[in-house]
Amino acid sequence: MPASLLLAPAARGPLGFEGLLYRVTIGGAGTPMASTANPIGAQIFLQSGAPAGRFWKIFLAVSAIFPVLLTGAGLLLLALGIGA
């Protein structure tokens, strides 16, 4: 079961749920399709009446940053001979 659906009852209000969505997004390396929790969670969040523009701007910015950071960390580990 996607984490956003499982943990949604514990989120308090739109801001609490928004925080939850950002955290489950990290599990999918920040990409909307890497985890089914991301599109499902976004749909639930937007149905609560929260502003869509703010959510998607932050979500897409985070989605762009995480793959870059993970690639950099992977290259650093390879350069150090860790995991090779």
N, C-alpha and C. Protein backbone atom coordinates (compact mmCIF):
# COMPACT_ATOMS: atom_id res chain seq x y z
N MET A 1 0.85 -1.18 0.00
CA MET A 1 0.00 0.00 0.00
C MET A 1 0.90 1.24 0.00
N PRO A 2 0.58 2.22 -0.83
CA PRO A 2 1.41 3.42 -0.86
C PRO A 2 1.45 4.11 0.51
N ALA A 3 2.62 4.61 0.83
CA ALA A 3 2.82 5.24 2.14
C ALA A 3 1.90 6.42 2.37
N SER A 4 1.61 7.19 1.34
CA SER A 4 0.75 8.37 1.53
C SER A 4 -0.65 7.97 1.97
N LEU A 5 -1.18 6.88 1.44
CA LEU A 5 -2.51 6.43 1.85
C LEU A 5 -2.48 5.84 3.25
N LEU A 6 -1.44 5.12 3.56
CA LEU A 6 -1.32 4.49 4.87
C LEU A 6 -1.18 5.53 5.98
N LEU A 7 -0.40 6.57 5.73
CA LEU A 7 -0.12 7.57 6.75
C LEU A 7 -1.05 8.78 6.72
N ALA A 8 -1.92 8.88 5.71
CA ALA A 8 -2.80 10.04 5.56
C ALA A 8 -3.66 10.32 6.80
N PRO A 9 -4.21 9.33 7.46
CA PRO A 9 -5.03 9.63 8.64
C PRO A 9 -4.24 10.33 9.76
N ALA A 10 -2.94 10.16 9.80
CA ALA A 10 -2.13 10.78 10.85
C ALA A 10 -1.78 12.23 10.54
N ALA A 11 -1.91 12.65 9.29
CA ALA A 11 -1.59 14.03 8.91
C ALA A 11 -2.70 14.95 9.39
N ARG A 12 -2.31 16.10 9.91
CA ARG A 12 -3.29 17.05 10.43
C ARG A 12 -3.38 18.27 9.53
N GLY A 13 -4.47 18.36 8.80
CA GLY A 13 -4.71 19.50 7.94
C GLY A 13 -3.88 19.47 6.67
N PRO A 14 -4.14 20.43 5.77
CA PRO A 14 -3.42 20.47 4.50
C PRO A 14 -1.91 20.61 4.65
N LEU A 15 -1.45 21.41 5.61
CA LEU A 15 0.01 21.57 5.77
C LEU A 15 0.66 20.30 6.27
N GLY A 16 0.01 19.61 7.18
CA GLY A 16 0.55 18.33 7.67
C GLY A 16 0.61 17.31 6.56
N PHE A 17 -0.43 17.28 5.73
CA PHE A 17 -0.44 16.32 4.63
C PHE A 17 0.57 16.69 3.57
N GLU A 18 0.75 17.98 3.35
CA GLU A 18 1.77 18.43 2.39
C GLU A 18 3.15 17.95 2.84
N GLY A 19 3.45 18.09 4.13
CA GLY A 19 4.72 17.61 4.66
C GLY A 19 4.87 16.11 4.48
N LEU A 20 3.79 15.39 4.69
CA LEU A 20 3.81 13.94 4.50
C LEU A 20 4.14 13.59 3.05
N LEU A 21 3.53 14.32 2.12
CA LEU A 21 3.78 14.03 0.70
C LEU A 21 5.23 14.27 0.31
N TYR A 22 5.83 15.33 0.84
CA TYR A 22 7.23 15.59 0.52
C TYR A 22 8.11 14.47 1.06
N ARG A 23 7.76 13.94 2.22
CA ARG A 23 8.57 12.88 2.81
C ARG A 23 8.43 11.56 2.07
N VAL A 24 7.22 11.20 1.62
CA VAL A 24 7.09 9.95 0.87
C VAL A 24 7.68 10.09 -0.53
N THR A 25 7.79 11.32 -1.03
CA THR A 25 8.39 11.55 -2.34
C THR A 25 9.87 11.18 -2.33
N ILE A 26 10.53 11.42 -1.22
CA ILE A 26 11.95 11.10 -1.12
C ILE A 26 12.19 9.62 -1.38
N GLY A 27 11.27 8.78 -0.95
CA GLY A 27 11.39 7.33 -1.18
C GLY A 27 11.42 6.99 -2.66
N GLY A 28 10.81 7.80 -3.50
CA GLY A 28 10.82 7.58 -4.94
C GLY A 28 11.86 8.41 -5.65
N ALA A 29 12.89 8.84 -4.93
CA ALA A 29 13.97 9.68 -5.46
C ALA A 29 13.43 10.99 -6.02
N GLY A 30 12.27 11.41 -5.53
CA GLY A 30 11.74 12.71 -5.91
C GLY A 30 11.03 12.77 -7.24
N THR A 31 10.84 11.67 -7.92
CA THR A 31 10.18 11.72 -9.21
C THR A 31 8.71 11.33 -9.09
N PRO A 32 7.84 12.00 -9.83
CA PRO A 32 6.41 11.70 -9.70
C PRO A 32 6.05 10.24 -9.99
N MET A 33 6.75 9.61 -10.91
CA MET A 33 6.36 8.25 -11.28
C MET A 33 7.22 7.15 -10.64
N ALA A 34 8.23 7.50 -9.89
CA ALA A 34 9.07 6.49 -9.26
C ALA A 34 8.35 5.80 -8.12
N SER A 35 7.34 6.44 -7.61
CA SER A 35 6.57 5.86 -6.52
C SER A 35 5.10 6.15 -6.79
N THR A 36 4.26 5.13 -6.69
CA THR A 36 2.83 5.37 -6.91
C THR A 36 2.24 6.25 -5.82
N ALA A 37 2.94 6.41 -4.71
CA ALA A 37 2.45 7.28 -3.64
C ALA A 37 2.41 8.73 -4.08
N ASN A 38 3.29 9.14 -4.97
CA ASN A 38 3.36 10.55 -5.36
C ASN A 38 2.10 11.03 -6.09
N PRO A 39 1.68 10.40 -7.18
CA PRO A 39 0.46 10.89 -7.84
C PRO A 39 -0.79 10.68 -6.99
N ILE A 40 -0.86 9.58 -6.25
CA ILE A 40 -2.02 9.34 -5.40
C ILE A 40 -2.08 10.38 -4.29
N GLY A 41 -0.95 10.62 -3.65
CA GLY A 41 -0.90 11.61 -2.58
C GLY A 41 -1.21 13.01 -3.07
N ALA A 42 -0.72 13.35 -4.25
CA ALA A 42 -1.01 14.67 -4.82
C ALA A 42 -2.50 14.83 -5.08
N GLN A 43 -3.13 13.80 -5.57
CA GLN A 43 -4.57 13.86 -5.83
C GLN A 43 -5.35 14.07 -4.53
N ILE A 44 -5.00 13.34 -3.48
CA ILE A 44 -5.67 13.50 -2.19
C ILE A 44 -5.43 14.90 -1.65
N PHE A 45 -4.21 15.39 -1.76
CA PHE A 45 -3.88 16.72 -1.25
C PHE A 45 -4.69 17.80 -1.98
N LEU A 46 -4.77 17.70 -3.28
CA LEU A 46 -5.49 18.71 -4.06
C LEU A 46 -7.00 18.63 -3.82
N GLN A 47 -7.52 17.45 -3.52
CA GLN A 47 -8.95 17.32 -3.22
C GLN A 47 -9.30 17.97 -1.88
N SER A 48 -8.32 18.18 -1.02
CA SER A 48 -8.58 18.82 0.27
C SER A 48 -8.78 20.33 0.12
N GLY A 49 -8.59 20.84 -1.08
CA GLY A 49 -8.80 22.26 -1.33
C GLY A 49 -7.53 23.09 -1.21
N ALA A 50 -6.40 22.46 -1.05
CA ALA A 50 -5.13 23.17 -0.94
C ALA A 50 -4.74 23.74 -2.30
N PRO A 51 -3.94 24.82 -2.31
CA PRO A 51 -3.55 25.44 -3.59
C PRO A 51 -2.62 24.53 -4.40
N ALA A 52 -3.00 24.27 -5.62
CA ALA A 52 -2.24 23.36 -6.48
C ALA A 52 -0.91 23.97 -6.92
N GLY A 53 -0.90 25.25 -7.24
CA GLY A 53 0.31 25.88 -7.77
C GLY A 53 1.49 25.79 -6.82
N ARG A 54 1.26 26.10 -5.57
CA ARG A 54 2.34 26.07 -4.58
C ARG A 54 2.89 24.66 -4.42
N PHE A 55 1.98 23.68 -4.33
CA PHE A 55 2.41 22.29 -4.16
C PHE A 55 3.28 21.85 -5.34
N TRP A 56 2.81 22.07 -6.57
CA TRP A 56 3.55 21.56 -7.73
C TRP A 56 4.87 22.28 -7.95
N LYS A 57 4.95 23.57 -7.62
CA LYS A 57 6.23 24.28 -7.76
C LYS A 57 7.29 23.67 -6.86
N ILE A 58 6.94 23.46 -5.62
CA ILE A 58 7.90 22.87 -4.67
C ILE A 58 8.19 21.43 -5.03
N PHE A 59 7.15 20.68 -5.36
CA PHE A 59 7.32 19.26 -5.70
C PHE A 59 8.27 19.08 -6.89
N LEU A 60 8.08 19.87 -7.93
CA LEU A 60 8.92 19.73 -9.11
C LEU A 60 10.35 20.20 -8.85
N ALA A 61 10.51 21.21 -8.02
CA ALA A 61 11.87 21.66 -7.66
C ALA A 61 12.60 20.55 -6.91
N VAL A 62 11.92 19.94 -5.96
CA VAL A 62 12.52 18.84 -5.20
C VAL A 62 12.79 17.66 -6.13
N SER A 63 11.87 17.42 -7.06
CA SER A 63 12.04 16.32 -8.01
C SER A 63 13.27 16.50 -8.88
N ALA A 64 13.65 17.73 -9.16
CA ALA A 64 14.83 18.00 -9.97
C ALA A 64 16.11 17.88 -9.15
N ILE A 65 16.04 18.25 -7.88
CA ILE A 65 17.23 18.27 -7.03
C ILE A 65 17.68 16.87 -6.61
N PHE A 66 16.74 16.01 -6.21
CA PHE A 66 17.13 14.71 -5.67
C PHE A 66 17.91 13.83 -6.65
N PRO A 67 17.51 13.68 -7.91
CA PRO A 67 18.33 12.86 -8.81
C PRO A 67 19.74 13.40 -8.99
N VAL A 68 19.88 14.73 -9.01
CA VAL A 68 21.21 15.33 -9.14
C VAL A 68 22.06 15.01 -7.91
N LEU A 69 21.47 15.17 -6.72
CA LEU A 69 22.21 14.86 -5.49
C LEU A 69 22.58 13.38 -5.41
N LEU A 70 21.64 12.51 -5.77
CA LEU A 70 21.92 11.07 -5.72
C LEU A 70 22.99 10.66 -6.73
N THR A 71 22.98 11.28 -7.91
CA THR A 71 24.01 10.99 -8.91
C THR A 71 25.37 11.45 -8.40
N GLY A 72 25.43 12.65 -7.82
CA GLY A 72 26.68 13.15 -7.25
C GLY A 72 27.21 12.26 -6.15
N ALA A 73 26.31 11.81 -5.27
CA ALA A 73 26.74 10.93 -4.18
C ALA A 73 27.24 9.60 -4.73
N GLY A 74 26.58 9.09 -5.75
CA GLY A 74 27.02 7.83 -6.35
C GLY A 74 28.39 7.96 -7.01
N LEU A 75 28.60 9.06 -7.73
CA LEU A 75 29.91 9.29 -8.36
C LEU A 75 31.01 9.46 -7.33
N LEU A 76 30.69 10.12 -6.23
CA LEU A 76 31.67 10.29 -5.15
C LEU A 76 32.04 8.94 -4.54
N LEU A 77 31.05 8.11 -4.32
CA LEU A 77 31.33 6.78 -3.77
C LEU A 77 32.18 5.94 -4.71
N LEU A 78 31.89 6.04 -6.00
CA LEU A 78 32.70 5.32 -6.97
C LEU A 78 34.14 5.84 -7.00
N ALA A 79 34.28 7.16 -6.92
CA ALA A 79 35.62 7.76 -6.94
C ALA A 79 36.43 7.33 -5.71
N LEU A 80 35.75 7.15 -4.59
CA LEU A 80 36.42 6.73 -3.37
C LEU A 80 36.63 5.21 -3.31
N GLY A 81 36.09 4.51 -4.29
CA GLY A 81 36.26 3.07 -4.34
C GLY A 81 35.29 2.32 -3.42
N ILE A 82 34.26 2.99 -2.98
CA ILE A 82 33.28 2.36 -2.09
C ILE A 82 32.18 1.76 -2.97
N GLY A 83 31.93 0.48 -2.78
CA GLY A 83 30.88 -0.19 -3.53
C GLY A 83 31.29 -0.66 -4.91
N ALA A 84 32.57 -0.55 -5.22
CA ALA A 84 33.01 -0.97 -6.55
C ALA A 84 33.47 -2.41 -6.53
